């Protein structure tokens, strides 16, 4: 609506001779033939590509008239030889004017996160095989929580060891989640998997731990 031409231009270092297609509608003849539809016919004629224009020129020279489809009218019209002039001319040009191809993706970080969720989500049966558990298989590089830490059983010494490990993880900048609830170890693993946490550290005693990998469920 602004009237600004949405085109770009490339200036040549030296003028170039370019063969141009020239389509010249004869306004008087088109006005007499089509009256209020003249504008639609003129726009359709000027919008022809080179192949269409040269085919029309050949038909007009051999048959004096041609059936021409005007999309804005939704029908064919009869174009006679005296209604349009079609030719090719060699012109010198200082620049090339073109409509650039523009790729303008419109999405925010939310859509990227949704794609990440969908790509990483899966389900697998529990140990008994009677329930499907949700698992987010986030890569350790992108997982928001890198590991969970929890004691094997509710025990004061185990919980103290858990807090020591959590403090060490914090000091080296590893994100983690501590779970010292009385939930069974299997449910803690399932809860951790559903959050997409790649590793789980289970405190087995005051001096030993078990590290479990989420996807393979291997433990060391």
Foldseek 3Di string as FASTA:
>chain_A
DPPDDQKDKFFDPDWDKDKDKDKFFPQVVLCVVPPVCSVLVVVQRVPDDPVVLVVQVVCCVVPQWDWDDRVVVRGTDIDGPVGMDIDIDIDIDRMDMGRDDDDDDDDDVVVVVVVLQVVQWDWDAAPVRPDIFIFGQDDCVPQPAQEEEEEQAQDPLSVVLSVVVVVVCVVVPHHYHYDHDHDHPSVVLSVCRNSNHQWYWYRDGNPDIWIAGNPVRDID
